[in-house]
Structure formats: C-alpha cells, structure tokens
Amino acid sequence: MSRAKRVVEVVTRALADSPEAVKVTEGTHQGQTVLELFMAPGDLGRVIGRQGRTAAAVRTLVSATAELEDMKVTLEFRDRP
C-alpha cells in the first residue's frame, strides 16, 4: 500500500459521516498510479466540497505524498452504489 493511498483513506474517513463506507483502490494505467475513492453518495458531496475546493486540496495532498515516492498519482472520486 502506498503512502498516497493511506493519506486518502485517513483524510476522507475524517470528513465522512460513514467512515466505514470509504474504500480506496489502487491500480495502474499507462504507467501512472490511479487511486479510486468510493464513498457513500451523501459523503461524496462533502469530500468534493463547494466548487471542488476540498477535492482539489485532497488531490494536492496526494500529489505531494506521491512525489516522496517518485510516483505520479491520479485520484478519482466514485459513488458507492
């Protein structure tokens, strides 16, 4: 498990009303690590924030953490069905 994945889990669980519903998967696509964040639909709006500001802040944290491991990471937000 990468540091970036752990950062996403810790931050989003702190923001969520249902932290047990938070799931982060890690994969690769064209040489780049892709993190997919699955949350309850109500919590997803909270993590994205107004005009995407909170989502941008989480992505910034993930990018900074990934640089420590010389990785390039993309974070995608998904609804949990």
N, C-alpha and C. Protein backbone atom coordinates (compact mmCIF):
# COMPACT_ATOMS: atom_id res chain seq x y z
N MET A 1 0.85 -1.18 0.00
CA MET A 1 0.00 0.00 0.00
C MET A 1 0.90 1.24 0.00
N SER A 2 0.59 2.16 -0.88
CA SER A 2 1.41 3.37 -0.99
C SER A 2 1.00 4.39 0.07
N ARG A 3 1.90 5.32 0.32
CA ARG A 3 1.60 6.42 1.25
C ARG A 3 0.42 7.24 0.77
N ALA A 4 0.35 7.46 -0.54
CA ALA A 4 -0.73 8.27 -1.10
C ALA A 4 -2.09 7.64 -0.81
N LYS A 5 -2.18 6.34 -0.91
CA LYS A 5 -3.44 5.65 -0.62
C LYS A 5 -3.80 5.82 0.85
N ARG A 6 -2.83 5.70 1.74
CA ARG A 6 -3.09 5.87 3.17
C ARG A 6 -3.54 7.29 3.47
N VAL A 7 -2.96 8.28 2.82
CA VAL A 7 -3.35 9.68 3.02
C VAL A 7 -4.81 9.88 2.61
N VAL A 8 -5.20 9.33 1.47
CA VAL A 8 -6.58 9.45 1.01
C VAL A 8 -7.53 8.81 2.02
N GLU A 9 -7.20 7.62 2.49
CA GLU A 9 -8.06 6.94 3.45
C GLU A 9 -8.23 7.74 4.74
N VAL A 10 -7.15 8.23 5.29
CA VAL A 10 -7.21 8.96 6.56
C VAL A 10 -8.00 10.25 6.42
N VAL A 11 -7.73 11.02 5.40
CA VAL A 11 -8.38 12.32 5.22
C VAL A 11 -9.87 12.14 4.93
N THR A 12 -10.21 11.23 4.04
CA THR A 12 -11.63 11.09 3.67
C THR A 12 -12.45 10.45 4.78
N ARG A 13 -11.86 9.55 5.54
CA ARG A 13 -12.60 8.98 6.68
C ARG A 13 -12.87 10.04 7.74
N ALA A 14 -11.96 10.98 7.89
CA ALA A 14 -12.17 12.07 8.85
C ALA A 14 -13.30 12.99 8.40
N LEU A 15 -13.51 13.13 7.10
CA LEU A 15 -14.55 14.02 6.57
C LEU A 15 -15.91 13.34 6.44
N ALA A 16 -15.94 12.02 6.42
CA ALA A 16 -17.17 11.28 6.11
C ALA A 16 -18.04 11.07 7.34
N ASP A 17 -19.36 11.06 7.12
CA ASP A 17 -20.31 10.67 8.16
C ASP A 17 -20.31 9.16 8.34
N SER A 18 -20.03 8.44 7.27
CA SER A 18 -19.97 6.97 7.30
C SER A 18 -18.57 6.52 6.92
N PRO A 19 -17.61 6.62 7.86
CA PRO A 19 -16.22 6.28 7.51
C PRO A 19 -16.04 4.81 7.12
N GLU A 20 -16.94 3.95 7.59
CA GLU A 20 -16.82 2.53 7.24
C GLU A 20 -17.13 2.28 5.76
N ALA A 21 -17.79 3.22 5.10
CA ALA A 21 -18.14 3.07 3.68
C ALA A 21 -17.02 3.53 2.75
N VAL A 22 -15.97 4.11 3.31
CA VAL A 22 -14.86 4.61 2.48
C VAL A 22 -14.00 3.43 2.03
N LYS A 23 -13.74 3.38 0.73
CA LYS A 23 -12.88 2.34 0.16
C LYS A 23 -12.00 2.99 -0.90
N VAL A 24 -10.72 2.69 -0.84
CA VAL A 24 -9.77 3.22 -1.82
C VAL A 24 -9.11 2.05 -2.52
N THR A 25 -9.18 2.04 -3.85
CA THR A 25 -8.50 1.01 -4.63
C THR A 25 -7.32 1.65 -5.35
N GLU A 26 -6.31 0.84 -5.58
CA GLU A 26 -5.09 1.33 -6.22
C GLU A 26 -4.80 0.46 -7.44
N GLY A 27 -4.56 1.11 -8.57
CA GLY A 27 -4.24 0.40 -9.80
C GLY A 27 -3.30 1.24 -10.64
N THR A 28 -2.95 0.73 -11.81
CA THR A 28 -2.09 1.49 -12.71
C THR A 28 -2.76 1.60 -14.07
N HIS A 29 -2.46 2.70 -14.73
CA HIS A 29 -2.97 2.93 -16.08
C HIS A 29 -1.92 3.75 -16.82
N GLN A 30 -1.38 3.18 -17.87
CA GLN A 30 -0.36 3.83 -18.69
C GLN A 30 0.81 4.33 -17.86
N GLY A 31 1.29 3.50 -16.94
CA GLY A 31 2.45 3.84 -16.14
C GLY A 31 2.19 4.81 -15.01
N GLN A 32 0.95 5.13 -14.77
CA GLN A 32 0.58 6.08 -13.71
C GLN A 32 -0.31 5.36 -12.71
N THR A 33 -0.12 5.64 -11.43
CA THR A 33 -0.95 5.05 -10.39
C THR A 33 -2.29 5.78 -10.33
N VAL A 34 -3.36 5.01 -10.28
CA VAL A 34 -4.71 5.58 -10.21
C VAL A 34 -5.35 5.12 -8.90
N LEU A 35 -5.76 6.08 -8.09
CA LEU A 35 -6.49 5.78 -6.86
C LEU A 35 -7.95 6.11 -7.10
N GLU A 36 -8.83 5.16 -6.79
CA GLU A 36 -10.26 5.38 -6.91
C GLU A 36 -10.85 5.40 -5.50
N LEU A 37 -11.54 6.48 -5.20
CA LEU A 37 -12.15 6.65 -3.88
C LEU A 37 -13.65 6.39 -4.00
N PHE A 38 -14.12 5.38 -3.27
CA PHE A 38 -15.54 5.05 -3.24
C PHE A 38 -16.09 5.45 -1.88
N MET A 39 -17.23 6.17 -1.88
CA MET A 39 -17.86 6.63 -0.64
C MET A 39 -19.36 6.54 -0.78
N ALA A 40 -20.04 6.70 0.35
CA ALA A 40 -21.50 6.80 0.33
C ALA A 40 -21.86 8.08 -0.44
N PRO A 41 -22.96 8.06 -1.19
CA PRO A 41 -23.32 9.24 -2.00
C PRO A 41 -23.42 10.55 -1.22
N GLY A 42 -23.94 10.51 -0.02
CA GLY A 42 -24.05 11.74 0.78
C GLY A 42 -22.70 12.28 1.20
N ASP A 43 -21.76 11.39 1.46
CA ASP A 43 -20.43 11.81 1.88
C ASP A 43 -19.60 12.32 0.71
N LEU A 44 -19.89 11.84 -0.47
CA LEU A 44 -19.10 12.23 -1.63
C LEU A 44 -19.19 13.74 -1.87
N GLY A 45 -20.39 14.29 -1.72
CA GLY A 45 -20.56 15.73 -1.89
C GLY A 45 -19.76 16.52 -0.88
N ARG A 46 -19.67 16.03 0.33
CA ARG A 46 -18.90 16.70 1.38
C ARG A 46 -17.40 16.69 1.04
N VAL A 47 -16.92 15.57 0.53
CA VAL A 47 -15.50 15.48 0.21
C VAL A 47 -15.16 16.30 -1.03
N ILE A 48 -16.06 16.38 -1.97
CA ILE A 48 -15.80 17.21 -3.15
C ILE A 48 -15.82 18.68 -2.76
N GLY A 49 -16.76 19.07 -1.93
CA GLY A 49 -16.80 20.45 -1.42
C GLY A 49 -17.38 21.44 -2.40
N ARG A 50 -17.49 22.66 -1.93
CA ARG A 50 -18.03 23.73 -2.78
C ARG A 50 -17.05 24.04 -3.89
N GLN A 51 -17.55 24.00 -5.09
CA GLN A 51 -16.77 24.27 -6.30
C GLN A 51 -15.52 23.40 -6.38
N GLY A 52 -15.56 22.24 -5.71
CA GLY A 52 -14.45 21.29 -5.80
C GLY A 52 -13.21 21.67 -5.02
N ARG A 53 -13.34 22.60 -4.10
CA ARG A 53 -12.16 23.06 -3.35
C ARG A 53 -11.58 21.98 -2.45
N THR A 54 -12.43 21.25 -1.76
CA THR A 54 -11.92 20.20 -0.88
C THR A 54 -11.30 19.08 -1.69
N ALA A 55 -11.91 18.72 -2.81
CA ALA A 55 -11.35 17.70 -3.68
C ALA A 55 -9.99 18.13 -4.21
N ALA A 56 -9.86 19.38 -4.58
CA ALA A 56 -8.57 19.90 -5.07
C ALA A 56 -7.52 19.83 -3.97
N ALA A 57 -7.93 20.13 -2.73
CA ALA A 57 -6.98 20.07 -1.61
C ALA A 57 -6.53 18.63 -1.35
N VAL A 58 -7.46 17.68 -1.43
CA VAL A 58 -7.10 16.27 -1.23
C VAL A 58 -6.17 15.81 -2.35
N ARG A 59 -6.46 16.22 -3.58
CA ARG A 59 -5.59 15.86 -4.71
C ARG A 59 -4.19 16.46 -4.54
N THR A 60 -4.11 17.66 -4.00
CA THR A 60 -2.80 18.29 -3.75
C THR A 60 -2.02 17.49 -2.72
N LEU A 61 -2.69 17.07 -1.65
CA LEU A 61 -2.03 16.24 -0.63
C LEU A 61 -1.54 14.93 -1.23
N VAL A 62 -2.35 14.32 -2.07
CA VAL A 62 -1.98 13.05 -2.70
C VAL A 62 -0.78 13.24 -3.62
N SER A 63 -0.78 14.31 -4.40
CA SER A 63 0.34 14.57 -5.31
C SER A 63 1.64 14.81 -4.54
N ALA A 64 1.54 15.57 -3.46
CA ALA A 64 2.74 15.85 -2.66
C ALA A 64 3.27 14.58 -2.01
N THR A 65 2.37 13.74 -1.53
CA THR A 65 2.78 12.47 -0.92
C THR A 65 3.38 11.54 -1.96
N ALA A 66 2.80 11.50 -3.14
CA ALA A 66 3.30 10.64 -4.20
C ALA A 66 4.70 11.05 -4.65
N GLU A 67 4.98 12.34 -4.64
CA GLU A 67 6.31 12.81 -5.03
C GLU A 67 7.39 12.29 -4.09
N LEU A 68 7.04 12.04 -2.83
CA LEU A 68 8.01 11.48 -1.89
C LEU A 68 8.47 10.10 -2.32
N GLU A 69 7.62 9.39 -3.05
CA GLU A 69 7.94 8.04 -3.53
C GLU A 69 8.25 8.03 -5.03
N ASP A 70 8.46 9.21 -5.61
CA ASP A 70 8.73 9.33 -7.05
C ASP A 70 7.63 8.66 -7.89
N MET A 71 6.39 8.92 -7.52
CA MET A 71 5.24 8.37 -8.23
C MET A 71 4.41 9.50 -8.82
N LYS A 72 3.63 9.16 -9.81
CA LYS A 72 2.64 10.08 -10.37
C LYS A 72 1.29 9.44 -10.10
N VAL A 73 0.42 10.16 -9.38
CA VAL A 73 -0.84 9.58 -8.92
C VAL A 73 -2.01 10.45 -9.36
N THR A 74 -3.08 9.78 -9.80
CA THR A 74 -4.34 10.44 -10.12
C THR A 74 -5.39 9.94 -9.13
N LEU A 75 -6.20 10.85 -8.60
CA LEU A 75 -7.27 10.48 -7.68
C LEU A 75 -8.61 10.69 -8.37
N GLU A 76 -9.45 9.65 -8.37
CA GLU A 76 -10.77 9.73 -8.97
C GLU A 76 -11.81 9.46 -7.89
N PHE A 77 -12.89 10.23 -7.89
CA PHE A 77 -13.96 10.12 -6.91
C PHE A 77 -15.12 9.34 -7.53
N ARG A 78 -15.62 8.33 -6.81
CA ARG A 78 -16.71 7.49 -7.31
C ARG A 78 -17.80 7.34 -6.25
N ASP A 79 -19.05 7.23 -6.71
CA ASP A 79 -20.17 6.91 -5.82
C ASP A 79 -20.17 5.43 -5.51
N ARG A 80 -20.48 5.10 -4.30
CA ARG A 80 -20.66 3.69 -3.96
C ARG A 80 -22.13 3.37 -4.16
N PRO A 81 -22.45 2.34 -4.94
CA PRO A 81 -23.85 2.03 -5.23
C PRO A 81 -24.61 1.56 -3.99
